[in-house]
Amino acid sequence: MSAIAEPRTTLMLSMVDPQQNVRLVEIRGGRRLRKRLADLGLTLGATLRVVQAHGCGPMIVAVKHDSRMAIGRGIAHKLIVTPDLAADDPHIPLT
């Protein structure tokens, strides 16, 4: 018998609350966007922490050992994430 996978809650990065840790599971964009994000360190499986997310303007996101980057709302709508409960422990560094 095969194990049944539990459904994951997914949402757009633009909907994530500040200080929440998430894992990138999908990029809804073309090849150029995927390449640009990969060059910045945003690859599938990466753990992200939203540092700042005001109602308008870019989001500030921590990636890989607290490197921070600004992501525009248009791009944030194309990044699909899932909550990363393991990364919510402050003693575990982001990978």
N, C-alpha and C. Protein backbone atom coordinates (compact mmCIF):
# COMPACT_ATOMS: atom_id res chain seq x y z
N MET A 1 0.82 -1.18 0.00
CA MET A 1 0.00 0.00 0.00
C MET A 1 0.87 1.25 0.00
N SER A 2 0.41 2.25 -0.65
CA SER A 2 1.15 3.52 -0.66
C SER A 2 0.53 4.46 0.36
N ALA A 3 1.36 5.30 0.92
CA ALA A 3 0.88 6.27 1.90
C ALA A 3 0.15 7.40 1.19
N ILE A 4 -0.89 7.87 1.81
CA ILE A 4 -1.64 8.98 1.24
C ILE A 4 -1.03 10.27 1.77
N ALA A 5 -0.65 11.12 0.85
CA ALA A 5 -0.03 12.39 1.25
C ALA A 5 -1.10 13.34 1.76
N GLU A 6 -0.78 14.03 2.84
CA GLU A 6 -1.70 15.02 3.37
C GLU A 6 -1.71 16.24 2.46
N PRO A 7 -2.88 16.83 2.21
CA PRO A 7 -2.91 18.03 1.37
C PRO A 7 -2.18 19.18 2.06
N ARG A 8 -1.41 19.90 1.29
CA ARG A 8 -0.68 21.04 1.82
C ARG A 8 -1.46 22.31 1.58
N THR A 9 -1.38 23.20 2.52
CA THR A 9 -1.98 24.51 2.35
C THR A 9 -1.00 25.36 1.57
N THR A 10 -1.43 25.85 0.43
CA THR A 10 -0.57 26.71 -0.36
C THR A 10 -1.22 28.08 -0.49
N LEU A 11 -0.37 29.09 -0.62
CA LEU A 11 -0.86 30.44 -0.82
C LEU A 11 0.22 31.24 -1.53
N MET A 12 -0.17 32.40 -2.03
CA MET A 12 0.79 33.27 -2.69
C MET A 12 1.64 33.94 -1.64
N LEU A 13 2.90 34.20 -1.96
CA LEU A 13 3.80 34.86 -1.03
C LEU A 13 3.24 36.21 -0.60
N SER A 14 2.52 36.87 -1.47
CA SER A 14 1.96 38.19 -1.15
C SER A 14 0.93 38.13 -0.03
N MET A 15 0.43 36.94 0.32
CA MET A 15 -0.58 36.78 1.35
C MET A 15 0.01 36.39 2.71
N VAL A 16 1.32 36.20 2.77
CA VAL A 16 1.96 35.72 3.99
C VAL A 16 2.16 36.87 4.98
N ASP A 17 1.90 36.58 6.24
CA ASP A 17 2.08 37.57 7.31
C ASP A 17 3.55 37.77 7.63
N PRO A 18 3.93 38.95 8.11
CA PRO A 18 5.32 39.18 8.52
C PRO A 18 5.76 38.20 9.61
N GLN A 19 7.03 37.84 9.57
CA GLN A 19 7.69 36.92 10.49
C GLN A 19 7.25 35.48 10.34
N GLN A 20 6.50 35.16 9.30
CA GLN A 20 6.10 33.77 9.06
C GLN A 20 7.11 33.12 8.14
N ASN A 21 7.49 31.87 8.45
CA ASN A 21 8.39 31.11 7.61
C ASN A 21 7.59 30.25 6.64
N VAL A 22 8.03 30.24 5.41
CA VAL A 22 7.36 29.47 4.36
C VAL A 22 8.41 28.79 3.49
N ARG A 23 7.96 27.80 2.74
CA ARG A 23 8.83 27.10 1.80
C ARG A 23 8.27 27.30 0.39
N LEU A 24 9.13 27.67 -0.54
CA LEU A 24 8.73 27.91 -1.93
C LEU A 24 8.45 26.58 -2.62
N VAL A 25 7.22 26.41 -3.13
CA VAL A 25 6.84 25.15 -3.76
C VAL A 25 6.52 25.28 -5.25
N GLU A 26 6.27 26.50 -5.72
CA GLU A 26 5.94 26.67 -7.14
C GLU A 26 6.20 28.11 -7.57
N ILE A 27 6.67 28.25 -8.79
CA ILE A 27 6.84 29.57 -9.39
C ILE A 27 5.96 29.61 -10.63
N ARG A 28 4.96 30.47 -10.61
CA ARG A 28 4.03 30.59 -11.74
C ARG A 28 4.51 31.70 -12.66
N GLY A 29 5.50 31.37 -13.42
CA GLY A 29 6.07 32.34 -14.33
C GLY A 29 6.83 31.62 -15.42
N GLY A 30 7.33 32.39 -16.35
CA GLY A 30 8.07 31.83 -17.47
C GLY A 30 9.51 31.51 -17.13
N ARG A 31 10.21 31.07 -18.14
CA ARG A 31 11.60 30.66 -17.99
C ARG A 31 12.49 31.81 -17.52
N ARG A 32 12.27 33.00 -18.05
CA ARG A 32 13.09 34.15 -17.65
C ARG A 32 12.91 34.49 -16.17
N LEU A 33 11.67 34.45 -15.70
CA LEU A 33 11.42 34.74 -14.29
C LEU A 33 12.07 33.67 -13.41
N ARG A 34 11.91 32.41 -13.78
CA ARG A 34 12.51 31.32 -13.00
C ARG A 34 14.03 31.46 -12.94
N LYS A 35 14.64 31.82 -14.06
CA LYS A 35 16.09 31.99 -14.11
C LYS A 35 16.53 33.16 -13.24
N ARG A 36 15.82 34.26 -13.34
CA ARG A 36 16.16 35.45 -12.55
C ARG A 36 16.05 35.16 -11.06
N LEU A 37 14.99 34.50 -10.65
CA LEU A 37 14.81 34.16 -9.24
C LEU A 37 15.87 33.16 -8.77
N ALA A 38 16.21 32.20 -9.62
CA ALA A 38 17.25 31.23 -9.26
C ALA A 38 18.59 31.93 -9.06
N ASP A 39 18.88 32.91 -9.90
CA ASP A 39 20.12 33.68 -9.75
C ASP A 39 20.15 34.44 -8.42
N LEU A 40 18.98 34.78 -7.90
CA LEU A 40 18.89 35.49 -6.62
C LEU A 40 18.83 34.53 -5.42
N GLY A 41 18.77 33.22 -5.70
CA GLY A 41 18.73 32.24 -4.63
C GLY A 41 17.34 31.73 -4.31
N LEU A 42 16.35 32.14 -5.08
CA LEU A 42 14.98 31.67 -4.86
C LEU A 42 14.71 30.47 -5.75
N THR A 43 14.94 29.29 -5.22
CA THR A 43 14.68 28.06 -5.95
C THR A 43 13.61 27.27 -5.21
N LEU A 44 13.02 26.30 -5.88
CA LEU A 44 12.00 25.48 -5.24
C LEU A 44 12.58 24.80 -4.02
N GLY A 45 11.84 24.81 -2.95
CA GLY A 45 12.29 24.21 -1.70
C GLY A 45 12.99 25.18 -0.77
N ALA A 46 13.28 26.38 -1.24
CA ALA A 46 13.97 27.38 -0.40
C ALA A 46 13.04 27.83 0.73
N THR A 47 13.63 28.03 1.90
CA THR A 47 12.89 28.55 3.05
C THR A 47 13.00 30.06 3.05
N LEU A 48 11.87 30.71 3.18
CA LEU A 48 11.80 32.18 3.18
C LEU A 48 11.14 32.64 4.47
N ARG A 49 11.51 33.81 4.92
CA ARG A 49 10.83 34.44 6.05
C ARG A 49 10.45 35.85 5.63
N VAL A 50 9.18 36.17 5.72
CA VAL A 50 8.72 37.51 5.39
C VAL A 50 9.14 38.43 6.52
N VAL A 51 9.93 39.43 6.20
CA VAL A 51 10.41 40.38 7.20
C VAL A 51 9.48 41.58 7.29
N GLN A 52 9.05 42.06 6.14
CA GLN A 52 8.20 43.26 6.11
C GLN A 52 7.22 43.13 4.95
N ALA A 53 5.95 43.41 5.23
CA ALA A 53 4.93 43.35 4.18
C ALA A 53 3.85 44.38 4.49
N HIS A 54 4.06 45.58 4.00
CA HIS A 54 3.04 46.62 4.16
C HIS A 54 1.96 46.39 3.12
N GLY A 55 0.86 47.11 3.23
CA GLY A 55 -0.26 46.94 2.32
C GLY A 55 0.08 47.17 0.87
N CYS A 56 1.03 48.06 0.60
CA CYS A 56 1.44 48.30 -0.78
C CYS A 56 2.96 48.39 -0.82
N GLY A 57 3.51 48.32 -1.98
CA GLY A 57 4.95 48.37 -2.12
C GLY A 57 5.58 46.99 -2.00
N PRO A 58 6.89 46.94 -2.13
CA PRO A 58 7.57 45.63 -2.13
C PRO A 58 7.58 44.98 -0.75
N MET A 59 7.76 43.67 -0.77
CA MET A 59 7.91 42.88 0.45
C MET A 59 9.41 42.68 0.69
N ILE A 60 9.82 42.64 1.94
CA ILE A 60 11.19 42.32 2.28
C ILE A 60 11.18 40.88 2.79
N VAL A 61 12.01 40.04 2.18
CA VAL A 61 12.04 38.62 2.48
C VAL A 61 13.46 38.20 2.84
N ALA A 62 13.58 37.37 3.88
CA ALA A 62 14.88 36.82 4.27
C ALA A 62 15.04 35.46 3.60
N VAL A 63 16.20 35.28 2.97
CA VAL A 63 16.51 34.03 2.28
C VAL A 63 17.92 33.62 2.67
N LYS A 64 18.14 32.34 2.90
CA LYS A 64 19.49 31.81 3.14
C LYS A 64 20.28 32.60 4.17
N HIS A 65 20.16 32.23 5.39
CA HIS A 65 20.93 32.82 6.48
C HIS A 65 20.69 34.32 6.61
N ASP A 66 19.46 34.72 6.46
CA ASP A 66 19.03 36.09 6.69
C ASP A 66 19.54 37.10 5.67
N SER A 67 19.86 36.65 4.46
CA SER A 67 20.07 37.61 3.37
C SER A 67 18.71 38.16 3.02
N ARG A 68 18.61 39.45 2.86
CA ARG A 68 17.30 40.06 2.61
C ARG A 68 17.22 40.60 1.20
N MET A 69 16.02 40.51 0.65
CA MET A 69 15.77 41.07 -0.69
C MET A 69 14.36 41.62 -0.74
N ALA A 70 14.19 42.60 -1.61
CA ALA A 70 12.87 43.19 -1.84
C ALA A 70 12.25 42.49 -3.04
N ILE A 71 11.01 42.12 -2.90
CA ILE A 71 10.27 41.46 -3.98
C ILE A 71 9.01 42.26 -4.23
N GLY A 72 8.81 42.66 -5.46
CA GLY A 72 7.61 43.40 -5.82
C GLY A 72 6.36 42.56 -5.69
N ARG A 73 5.24 43.21 -5.52
CA ARG A 73 3.97 42.50 -5.34
C ARG A 73 3.60 41.63 -6.54
N GLY A 74 3.92 42.08 -7.74
CA GLY A 74 3.61 41.28 -8.92
C GLY A 74 4.33 39.94 -8.91
N ILE A 75 5.60 39.96 -8.54
CA ILE A 75 6.38 38.72 -8.44
C ILE A 75 5.87 37.90 -7.25
N ALA A 76 5.57 38.55 -6.14
CA ALA A 76 5.10 37.84 -4.95
C ALA A 76 3.80 37.09 -5.22
N HIS A 77 2.97 37.60 -6.14
CA HIS A 77 1.74 36.90 -6.52
C HIS A 77 2.04 35.62 -7.29
N LYS A 78 3.20 35.53 -7.91
CA LYS A 78 3.56 34.36 -8.72
C LYS A 78 4.33 33.30 -7.95
N LEU A 79 4.70 33.61 -6.71
CA LEU A 79 5.44 32.65 -5.88
C LEU A 79 4.47 31.94 -4.95
N ILE A 80 4.35 30.64 -5.12
CA ILE A 80 3.42 29.83 -4.32
C ILE A 80 4.23 29.16 -3.21
N VAL A 81 3.76 29.35 -1.98
CA VAL A 81 4.48 28.86 -0.82
C VAL A 81 3.56 28.03 0.07
N THR A 82 4.18 27.30 0.98
CA THR A 82 3.45 26.54 1.99
C THR A 82 4.09 26.85 3.34
N PRO A 83 3.31 26.88 4.41
CA PRO A 83 3.90 27.16 5.73
C PRO A 83 4.99 26.13 6.04
N ASP A 84 6.08 26.59 6.63
CA ASP A 84 7.20 25.72 6.99
C ASP A 84 7.30 25.70 8.51
N LEU A 85 6.61 24.75 9.12
CA LEU A 85 6.55 24.68 10.58
C LEU A 85 7.90 24.35 11.19
N ALA A 86 8.71 23.57 10.50
CA ALA A 86 10.03 23.22 11.04
C ALA A 86 10.92 24.46 11.13
N ALA A 87 10.76 25.40 10.23
CA ALA A 87 11.60 26.61 10.23
C ALA A 87 11.10 27.65 11.21
N ASP A 88 9.96 27.43 11.84
CA ASP A 88 9.46 28.39 12.82
C ASP A 88 10.25 28.35 14.12
N ASP A 89 11.06 27.30 14.30
CA ASP A 89 11.91 27.22 15.49
C ASP A 89 13.07 28.20 15.32
N PRO A 90 13.22 29.20 16.19
CA PRO A 90 14.28 30.22 16.00
C PRO A 90 15.69 29.65 16.12
N HIS A 91 15.83 28.44 16.65
CA HIS A 91 17.15 27.84 16.81
C HIS A 91 17.63 27.13 15.55
N ILE A 92 16.72 26.96 14.58
CA ILE A 92 17.08 26.30 13.32
C ILE A 92 17.34 27.39 12.29
N PRO A 93 18.55 27.47 11.73
CA PRO A 93 18.84 28.51 10.73
C PRO A 93 18.12 28.21 9.43
N LEU A 94 17.85 29.26 8.65
CA LEU A 94 17.27 29.10 7.33
C LEU A 94 18.28 28.43 6.41
N THR A 95 17.79 27.59 5.50
CA THR A 95 18.69 26.93 4.54
C THR A 95 18.46 27.45 3.17
